[in-house]
Amino acid sequence: MVELQAIAVGVASRPRNAMTEKRNTGTVEIPSSSRDHWQRIYGAKDEDEMSWFQAHPRTSLKLVVATGLGTDARIVDIGAGASRLVDALLDAGFRNVTVLDVAEGARDKAKRRLGPRASAVTWVTADVASWEPGSPFDLWHDRAVFHFMTRPEDQESYRATMLRALRPGGQAIIATFSMAGPERCSGLPVRRYEPESLASELGTGFRLVGCVREQHLTPAGRVQDFQYSRFVRV
């Protein structure tokens, strides 16, 4: 049993669909349904009005540090949206950061915020379920994408992409609503997890090595209970 620690923090990401942009160029068509949903979400509110907004992603950073990876590690942030984790990783000296999201509007908000530093990041606009990674990554980070995968076929596609993306011995940090968290988010149903149930869902290709609980305070003042689990690809 991996010890579950509790963290209370002030208030980071979501899902999915296939277009790639390396550094700042190149596109492949994305099916419209998921993209359009998240484009509407990001077009309706400012970054700091989103329910998942975090001014500083402390829990994610704590778990990134716990991996023991060096600043040359290849990191991909899945469903990053306009999350500020990319800012924090650059501040910490990480040099090989990829940001993936299905919504161009979310990506563009992050780019504008980073300014000239955006050129140091690889930007991918894609559905994680159908994304074809290039070179293997050392770390996969996902705050609040997998819990939107409520259909078995989507969960399987996600797992298959993660297996392709991570090198053997690579690590994954996946945050979802816990069983005490909401049943819906941004108008969509979610599937809630505890670390053990998430590990069971991911299967034998991943070993649970750490977990943390976070009490996330949304900009509207609501508390959302998250669990963050860290895995090693075996």
C-alpha atoms as a PDB file:
ATOM      1  CA  MET A   1       0.000   0.000   0.000  1.00  0.00           C
ATOM      2  CA  VAL A   2       1.360   3.406  -0.975  1.00  0.00           C
ATOM      3  CA  GLU A   3       0.894   6.094   1.642  1.00  0.00           C
ATOM      4  CA  LEU A   4      -1.632   8.786   0.684  1.00  0.00           C
ATOM      5  CA  GLN A   5      -0.709  12.257   1.877  1.00  0.00           C
ATOM      6  CA  ALA A   6      -3.138  15.174   2.051  1.00  0.00           C
ATOM      7  CA  ILE A   7      -2.386  18.623   0.683  1.00  0.00           C
ATOM      8  CA  ALA A   8      -4.700  21.625   0.779  1.00  0.00           C
ATOM      9  CA  VAL A   9      -3.992  24.145  -1.946  1.00  0.00           C
ATOM     10  CA  GLY A  10      -5.612  26.982  -3.776  1.00  0.00           C
ATOM     11  CA  VAL A  11      -6.713  25.896  -7.100  1.00  0.00           C
ATOM     12  CA  ALA A  12      -5.002  22.936 -14.215  1.00  0.00           C
ATOM     13  CA  SER A  13      -5.988  20.742 -17.273  1.00  0.00           C
ATOM     14  CA  ARG A  14      -8.429  18.366 -19.180  1.00  0.00           C
ATOM     15  CA  PRO A  15      -8.779  16.440 -22.510  1.00  0.00           C
ATOM     16  CA  ARG A  16      -8.552  15.121 -25.941  1.00  0.00           C
ATOM     17  CA  ASN A  17      -8.641  14.614 -30.199  1.00  0.00           C
ATOM     18  CA  ALA A  18      -5.128  14.692 -33.786  1.00  0.00           C
ATOM     19  CA  MET A  19      -3.122  17.685 -34.931  1.00  0.00           C
ATOM     20  CA  THR A  20       0.554  18.108 -34.048  1.00  0.00           C
ATOM     21  CA  GLU A  21       2.590  21.244 -33.753  1.00  0.00           C
ATOM     22  CA  LYS A  22       6.339  20.861 -33.269  1.00  0.00           C
ATOM     23  CA  ARG A  23       7.709  23.938 -31.530  1.00  0.00           C
ATOM     24  CA  ASN A  24       5.314  26.334 -33.294  1.00  0.00           C
ATOM     25  CA  THR A  25       4.545  24.755 -36.672  1.00  0.00           C
ATOM     26  CA  GLY A  26       2.595  21.982 -38.397  1.00  0.00           C
ATOM     27  CA  THR A  27      -0.973  20.717 -38.157  1.00  0.00           C
ATOM     28  CA  VAL A  28      -3.034  17.576 -38.768  1.00  0.00           C
ATOM     29  CA  GLU A  29      -6.839  17.726 -38.739  1.00  0.00           C
ATOM     30  CA  ILE A  30      -8.640  17.071 -35.438  1.00  0.00           C
ATOM     31  CA  PRO A  31     -12.195  15.689 -35.258  1.00  0.00           C
ATOM     32  CA  SER A  32     -14.348  18.600 -34.164  1.00  0.00           C
ATOM     33  CA  SER A  33     -16.516  17.414 -31.256  1.00  0.00           C
ATOM     34  CA  SER A  34     -14.031  17.441 -28.394  1.00  0.00           C
ATOM     35  CA  ARG A  35     -12.057  20.349 -29.804  1.00  0.00           C
ATOM     36  CA  ASP A  36     -15.193  22.469 -30.212  1.00  0.00           C
ATOM     37  CA  HIS A  37     -16.330  21.764 -26.650  1.00  0.00           C
ATOM     38  CA  TRP A  38     -13.043  22.880 -25.120  1.00  0.00           C
ATOM     39  CA  GLN A  39     -12.661  25.778 -27.541  1.00  0.00           C
ATOM     40  CA  ARG A  40     -16.023  27.074 -26.274  1.00  0.00           C
ATOM     41  CA  ILE A  41     -14.946  26.610 -22.652  1.00  0.00           C
ATOM     42  CA  TYR A  42     -11.711  28.547 -23.167  1.00  0.00           C
ATOM     43  CA  GLY A  43     -13.425  31.201 -25.250  1.00  0.00           C
ATOM     44  CA  ALA A  44     -16.053  31.905 -22.589  1.00  0.00           C
ATOM     45  CA  LYS A  45     -13.779  32.673 -19.639  1.00  0.00           C
ATOM     46  CA  ASP A  46     -10.419  34.127 -18.736  1.00  0.00           C
ATOM     47  CA  GLU A  47      -7.691  31.730 -17.657  1.00  0.00           C
ATOM     48  CA  ASP A  48      -8.095  32.495 -13.954  1.00  0.00           C
ATOM     49  CA  GLU A  49     -11.869  31.907 -14.096  1.00  0.00           C
ATOM     50  CA  MET A  50     -11.559  28.250 -15.090  1.00  0.00           C
ATOM     51  CA  SER A  51     -12.525  25.816 -12.317  1.00  0.00           C
ATOM     52  CA  TRP A  52      -9.173  24.018 -12.643  1.00  0.00           C
ATOM     53  CA  PHE A  53      -7.050  27.190 -12.474  1.00  0.00           C
ATOM     54  CA  GLN A  54      -3.966  27.103 -10.238  1.00  0.00           C
ATOM     55  CA  ALA A  55      -1.732  30.150  -9.900  1.00  0.00           C
ATOM     56  CA  HIS A  56       1.050  27.783  -8.824  1.00  0.00           C
ATOM     57  CA  PRO A  57       0.869  23.992  -9.420  1.00  0.00           C
ATOM     58  CA  ARG A  58       2.506  22.994  -6.126  1.00  0.00           C
ATOM     59  CA  THR A  59       1.301  19.399  -5.990  1.00  0.00           C
ATOM     60  CA  SER A  60       2.369  18.624  -9.545  1.00  0.00           C
ATOM     61  CA  LEU A  61       5.780  20.171  -8.929  1.00  0.00           C
ATOM     62  CA  LYS A  62       6.222  18.207  -5.707  1.00  0.00           C
ATOM     63  CA  LEU A  63       5.591  14.974  -7.596  1.00  0.00           C
ATOM     64  CA  VAL A  64       7.834  15.990 -10.507  1.00  0.00           C
ATOM     65  CA  VAL A  65      10.649  16.533  -7.993  1.00  0.00           C
ATOM     66  CA  ALA A  66       9.844  13.137  -6.438  1.00  0.00           C
ATOM     67  CA  THR A  67      10.621  11.436  -9.756  1.00  0.00           C
ATOM     68  CA  GLY A  68      14.298  12.329  -9.338  1.00  0.00           C
ATOM     69  CA  LEU A  69      14.546  13.279 -13.020  1.00  0.00           C
ATOM     70  CA  GLY A  70      17.129  15.812 -14.145  1.00  0.00           C
ATOM     71  CA  THR A  71      16.411  19.041 -16.001  1.00  0.00           C
ATOM     72  CA  ASP A  72      17.194  17.365 -19.330  1.00  0.00           C
ATOM     73  CA  ALA A  73      14.260  14.937 -18.878  1.00  0.00           C
ATOM     74  CA  ARG A  74      11.678  14.840 -21.670  1.00  0.00           C
ATOM     75  CA  ILE A  75       8.343  15.833 -20.100  1.00  0.00           C
ATOM     76  CA  VAL A  76       4.896  15.926 -21.707  1.00  0.00           C
ATOM     77  CA  ASP A  77       1.962  17.681 -20.028  1.00  0.00           C
ATOM     78  CA  ILE A  78      -1.222  16.037 -21.309  1.00  0.00           C
ATOM     79  CA  GLY A  79      -4.349  18.162 -21.695  1.00  0.00           C
ATOM     80  CA  ALA A  80      -2.414  21.083 -20.306  1.00  0.00           C
ATOM     81  CA  GLY A  81      -4.764  23.771 -21.548  1.00  0.00           C
ATOM     82  CA  ALA A  82      -3.469  27.095 -20.245  1.00  0.00           C
ATOM     83  CA  SER A  83      -1.997  25.450 -17.125  1.00  0.00           C
ATOM     84  CA  ARG A  84       0.930  27.224 -15.498  1.00  0.00           C
ATOM     85  CA  LEU A  85       2.862  24.008 -14.979  1.00  0.00           C
ATOM     86  CA  VAL A  86       4.860  24.769 -18.126  1.00  0.00           C
ATOM     87  CA  ASP A  87       5.925  28.122 -16.624  1.00  0.00           C
ATOM     88  CA  ALA A  88       6.969  26.414 -13.396  1.00  0.00           C
ATOM     89  CA  LEU A  89       8.930  23.712 -15.224  1.00  0.00           C
ATOM     90  CA  LEU A  90      10.811  26.304 -17.267  1.00  0.00           C
ATOM     91  CA  ASP A  91      11.485  28.276 -14.072  1.00  0.00           C
ATOM     92  CA  ALA A  92      12.909  25.088 -12.525  1.00  0.00           C
ATOM     93  CA  GLY A  93      15.305  24.675 -15.452  1.00  0.00           C
ATOM     94  CA  PHE A  94      13.619  21.862 -17.384  1.00  0.00           C
ATOM     95  CA  ARG A  95      14.612  22.184 -21.035  1.00  0.00           C
ATOM     96  CA  ASN A  96      12.562  19.535 -22.866  1.00  0.00           C
ATOM     97  CA  VAL A  97       8.906  20.302 -22.157  1.00  0.00           C
ATOM     98  CA  THR A  98       6.045  19.351 -24.479  1.00  0.00           C
ATOM     99  CA  VAL A  99       2.539  20.758 -23.951  1.00  0.00           C
ATOM    100  CA  LEU A 100      -0.377  18.836 -25.483  1.00  0.00           C
ATOM    101  CA  ASP A 101      -3.999  19.957 -25.693  1.00  0.00           C
ATOM    102  CA  VAL A 102      -6.908  19.541 -28.081  1.00  0.00           C
ATOM    103  CA  ALA A 103      -7.940  23.231 -27.946  1.00  0.00           C
ATOM    104  CA  GLU A 104      -5.903  25.782 -29.867  1.00  0.00           C
ATOM    105  CA  GLY A 105      -7.451  28.563 -27.778  1.00  0.00           C
ATOM    106  CA  ALA A 106      -6.013  27.106 -24.579  1.00  0.00           C
ATOM    107  CA  ARG A 107      -2.601  26.660 -26.163  1.00  0.00           C
ATOM    108  CA  ASP A 108      -2.612  30.218 -27.467  1.00  0.00           C
ATOM    109  CA  LYS A 109      -3.375  31.624 -24.010  1.00  0.00           C
ATOM    110  CA  ALA A 110      -0.365  29.777 -22.606  1.00  0.00           C
ATOM    111  CA  LYS A 111       1.857  30.996 -25.449  1.00  0.00           C
ATOM    112  CA  ARG A 112       0.849  34.619 -24.948  1.00  0.00           C
ATOM    113  CA  ARG A 113       1.518  34.349 -21.228  1.00  0.00           C
ATOM    114  CA  LEU A 114       4.978  32.868 -21.780  1.00  0.00           C
ATOM    115  CA  GLY A 115       5.942  35.399 -24.415  1.00  0.00           C
ATOM    116  CA  PRO A 116       9.441  34.745 -25.851  1.00  0.00           C
ATOM    117  CA  ARG A 117       9.823  31.691 -23.609  1.00  0.00           C
ATOM    118  CA  ALA A 118       7.114  29.907 -25.637  1.00  0.00           C
ATOM    119  CA  SER A 119       9.733  29.126 -28.285  1.00  0.00           C
ATOM    120  CA  ALA A 120      11.503  26.858 -25.763  1.00  0.00           C
ATOM    121  CA  VAL A 121       8.437  24.565 -25.603  1.00  0.00           C
ATOM    122  CA  THR A 122       7.165  21.936 -28.047  1.00  0.00           C
ATOM    123  CA  TRP A 123       3.439  22.564 -28.638  1.00  0.00           C
ATOM    124  CA  VAL A 124       1.165  19.711 -29.735  1.00  0.00           C
ATOM    125  CA  THR A 125      -2.503  20.137 -30.610  1.00  0.00           C
ATOM    126  CA  ALA A 126      -3.956  16.618 -30.532  1.00  0.00           C
ATOM    127  CA  ASP A 127      -6.409  14.172 -29.056  1.00  0.00           C
ATOM    128  CA  VAL A 128      -4.377  12.140 -26.584  1.00  0.00           C
ATOM    129  CA  ALA A 129      -6.304   9.011 -27.568  1.00  0.00           C
ATOM    130  CA  SER A 130      -5.020   9.172 -31.154  1.00  0.00           C
ATOM    131  CA  TRP A 131      -1.731  11.054 -30.725  1.00  0.00           C
ATOM    132  CA  GLU A 132       1.380   9.370 -32.138  1.00  0.00           C
ATOM    133  CA  PRO A 133       4.375  10.398 -29.973  1.00  0.00           C
ATOM    134  CA  GLY A 134       7.809  10.633 -31.538  1.00  0.00           C
ATOM    135  CA  SER A 135      10.816   9.947 -29.307  1.00  0.00           C
ATOM    136  CA  PRO A 136       9.974   8.407 -25.913  1.00  0.00           C
ATOM    137  CA  PHE A 137       9.350  10.610 -22.900  1.00  0.00           C
ATOM    138  CA  ASP A 138      10.727  10.322 -19.375  1.00  0.00           C
ATOM    139  CA  LEU A 139       7.643  11.787 -17.689  1.00  0.00           C
ATOM    140  CA  TRP A 140       3.936  11.920 -18.547  1.00  0.00           C
ATOM    141  CA  HIS A 141       1.900  14.448 -16.547  1.00  0.00           C
ATOM    142  CA  ASP A 142      -1.904  14.562 -16.661  1.00  0.00           C
ATOM    143  CA  ARG A 143      -3.999  16.683 -14.340  1.00  0.00           C
ATOM    144  CA  ALA A 144      -7.664  15.945 -15.035  1.00  0.00           C
ATOM    145  CA  VAL A 145      -7.730  14.353 -18.484  1.00  0.00           C
ATOM    146  CA  PHE A 146      -8.030  10.642 -17.742  1.00  0.00           C
ATOM    147  CA  HIS A 147     -11.072  11.109 -15.516  1.00  0.00           C
ATOM    148  CA  PHE A 148     -12.994  12.342 -18.589  1.00  0.00           C
ATOM    149  CA  MET A 149     -12.351   8.961 -20.223  1.00  0.00           C
ATOM    150  CA  THR A 150     -15.590   7.288 -19.175  1.00  0.00           C
ATOM    151  CA  ARG A 151     -15.871   4.788 -22.062  1.00  0.00           C
ATOM    152  CA  PRO A 152     -13.731   1.618 -22.012  1.00  0.00           C
ATOM    153  CA  GLU A 153     -12.556   2.202 -25.577  1.00  0.00           C
ATOM    154  CA  ASP A 154     -11.309   5.710 -24.705  1.00  0.00           C
ATOM    155  CA  GLN A 155      -9.550   4.424 -21.595  1.00  0.00           C
ATOM    156  CA  GLU A 156      -7.839   1.735 -23.669  1.00  0.00           C
ATOM    157  CA  SER A 157      -6.737   4.265 -26.305  1.00  0.00           C
ATOM    158  CA  TYR A 158      -5.316   6.504 -23.572  1.00  0.00           C
ATOM    159  CA  ARG A 159      -3.374   3.597 -22.027  1.00  0.00           C
ATOM    160  CA  ALA A 160      -2.026   2.587 -25.421  1.00  0.00           C
ATOM    161  CA  THR A 161      -0.817   6.127 -26.120  1.00  0.00           C
ATOM    162  CA  MET A 162       0.836   6.362 -22.700  1.00  0.00           C
ATOM    163  CA  LEU A 163       2.629   3.048 -23.251  1.00  0.00           C
ATOM    164  CA  ARG A 164       3.915   4.277 -26.615  1.00  0.00           C
ATOM    165  CA  ALA A 165       4.950   7.644 -25.216  1.00  0.00           C
ATOM    166  CA  LEU A 166       6.869   6.505 -22.125  1.00  0.00           C
ATOM    167  CA  ARG A 167      10.209   4.735 -22.182  1.00  0.00           C
ATOM    168  CA  PRO A 168      10.566   1.637 -19.955  1.00  0.00           C
ATOM    169  CA  GLY A 169      11.268   2.990 -16.474  1.00  0.00           C
ATOM    170  CA  GLY A 170       9.616   6.291 -17.401  1.00  0.00           C
ATOM    171  CA  GLN A 171       7.143   7.766 -14.961  1.00  0.00           C
ATOM    172  CA  ALA A 172       3.583   9.070 -15.085  1.00  0.00           C
ATOM    173  CA  ILE A 173       1.784  11.487 -12.782  1.00  0.00           C
ATOM    174  CA  ILE A 174      -1.987  11.270 -13.184  1.00  0.00           C
ATOM    175  CA  ALA A 175      -4.420  13.412 -11.190  1.00  0.00           C
ATOM    176  CA  THR A 176      -8.163  12.708 -11.159  1.00  0.00           C
ATOM    177  CA  PHE A 177     -11.110  13.590  -8.985  1.00  0.00           C
ATOM    178  CA  SER A 178     -11.121  11.260  -5.986  1.00  0.00           C
ATOM    179  CA  MET A 179     -14.202   9.340  -4.904  1.00  0.00           C
ATOM    180  CA  ALA A 180     -15.052  12.404  -2.775  1.00  0.00           C
ATOM    181  CA  GLY A 181     -14.756  14.694  -5.801  1.00  0.00           C
ATOM    182  CA  PRO A 182     -17.383  15.945  -8.267  1.00  0.00           C
ATOM    183  CA  GLU A 183     -19.207  13.616 -10.642  1.00  0.00           C
ATOM    184  CA  ARG A 184     -19.193  16.160 -13.476  1.00  0.00           C
ATOM    185  CA  CYS A 185     -16.889  18.905 -14.741  1.00  0.00           C
ATOM    186  CA  SER A 186     -17.355  21.511 -17.489  1.00  0.00           C
ATOM    187  CA  GLY A 187     -20.679  19.958 -18.442  1.00  0.00           C
ATOM    188  CA  LEU A 188     -19.243  16.452 -18.864  1.00  0.00           C
ATOM    189  CA  PRO A 189     -19.424  13.321 -16.682  1.00  0.00           C
ATOM    190  CA  VAL A 190     -16.201  12.079 -15.115  1.00  0.00           C
ATOM    191  CA  ARG A 191     -15.036   8.822 -13.592  1.00  0.00           C
ATOM    192  CA  ARG A 192     -13.624   9.193 -10.087  1.00  0.00           C
ATOM    193  CA  TYR A 193     -10.705   7.170  -8.687  1.00  0.00           C
ATOM    194  CA  GLU A 194      -8.619   6.362  -5.673  1.00  0.00           C
ATOM    195  CA  PRO A 195      -4.940   5.466  -6.259  1.00  0.00           C
ATOM    196  CA  GLU A 196      -5.578   1.720  -6.097  1.00  0.00           C
ATOM    197  CA  SER A 197      -8.527   1.808  -8.497  1.00  0.00           C
ATOM    198  CA  LEU A 198      -6.568   3.990 -10.908  1.00  0.00           C
ATOM    199  CA  ALA A 199      -3.646   1.551 -10.765  1.00  0.00           C
ATOM    200  CA  SER A 200      -6.035  -1.300 -11.507  1.00  0.00           C
ATOM    201  CA  GLU A 201      -7.482   0.634 -14.458  1.00  0.00           C
ATOM    202  CA  LEU A 202      -4.027   1.307 -15.938  1.00  0.00           C
ATOM    203  CA  GLY A 203      -3.092  -2.359 -15.693  1.00  0.00           C
ATOM    204  CA  THR A 204       0.139  -4.283 -15.258  1.00  0.00           C
ATOM    205  CA  GLY A 205       2.184  -1.981 -17.463  1.00  0.00           C
ATOM    206  CA  PHE A 206       2.348   0.591 -14.658  1.00  0.00           C
ATOM    207  CA  ARG A 207       3.365   0.288 -10.999  1.00  0.00           C
ATOM    208  CA  LEU A 208       1.996   2.705  -8.387  1.00  0.00           C
ATOM    209  CA  VAL A 209       4.864   4.269  -6.408  1.00  0.00           C
ATOM    210  CA  GLY A 210       3.344   7.332  -4.731  1.00  0.00           C
ATOM    211  CA  CYS A 211       0.147   9.283  -4.208  1.00  0.00           C
ATOM    212  CA  VAL A 212      -1.034  12.583  -2.761  1.00  0.00           C
ATOM    213  CA  ARG A 213      -4.494  14.030  -2.103  1.00  0.00           C
ATOM    214  CA  GLU A 214      -5.207  17.667  -2.915  1.00  0.00           C
ATOM    215  CA  GLN A 215      -8.052  19.877  -1.764  1.00  0.00           C
ATOM    216  CA  HIS A 216      -8.371  22.164  -4.769  1.00  0.00           C
ATOM    217  CA  LEU A 217     -10.167  25.480  -4.247  1.00  0.00           C
ATOM    218  CA  THR A 218     -11.776  26.715  -7.455  1.00  0.00           C
ATOM    219  CA  PRO A 219     -11.996  30.432  -8.324  1.00  0.00           C
ATOM    220  CA  ALA A 220     -15.713  30.182  -7.434  1.00  0.00           C
ATOM    221  CA  GLY A 221     -14.792  29.038  -3.918  1.00  0.00           C
ATOM    222  CA  ARG A 222     -15.760  25.367  -4.260  1.00  0.00           C
ATOM    223  CA  VAL A 223     -13.527  22.587  -2.946  1.00  0.00           C
ATOM    224  CA  GLN A 224     -12.722  19.713  -5.308  1.00  0.00           C
ATOM    225  CA  ASP A 225     -11.028  16.602  -3.952  1.00  0.00           C
ATOM    226  CA  PHE A 226      -8.244  15.288  -6.208  1.00  0.00           C
ATOM    227  CA  GLN A 227      -5.962  12.301  -5.942  1.00  0.00           C
ATOM    228  CA  TYR A 228      -2.548  12.430  -7.652  1.00  0.00           C
ATOM    229  CA  SER A 229      -0.847   9.107  -8.327  1.00  0.00           C
ATOM    230  CA  ARG A 230       2.700   8.530  -9.567  1.00  0.00           C
ATOM    231  CA  PHE A 231       3.513   5.426 -11.610  1.00  0.00           C
ATOM    232  CA  VAL A 232       6.557   3.779 -13.160  1.00  0.00           C
ATOM    233  CA  ARG A 233       6.238   2.102 -16.560  1.00  0.00           C
ATOM    234  CA  VAL A 234       7.400  -1.478 -16.068  1.00  0.00           C
END
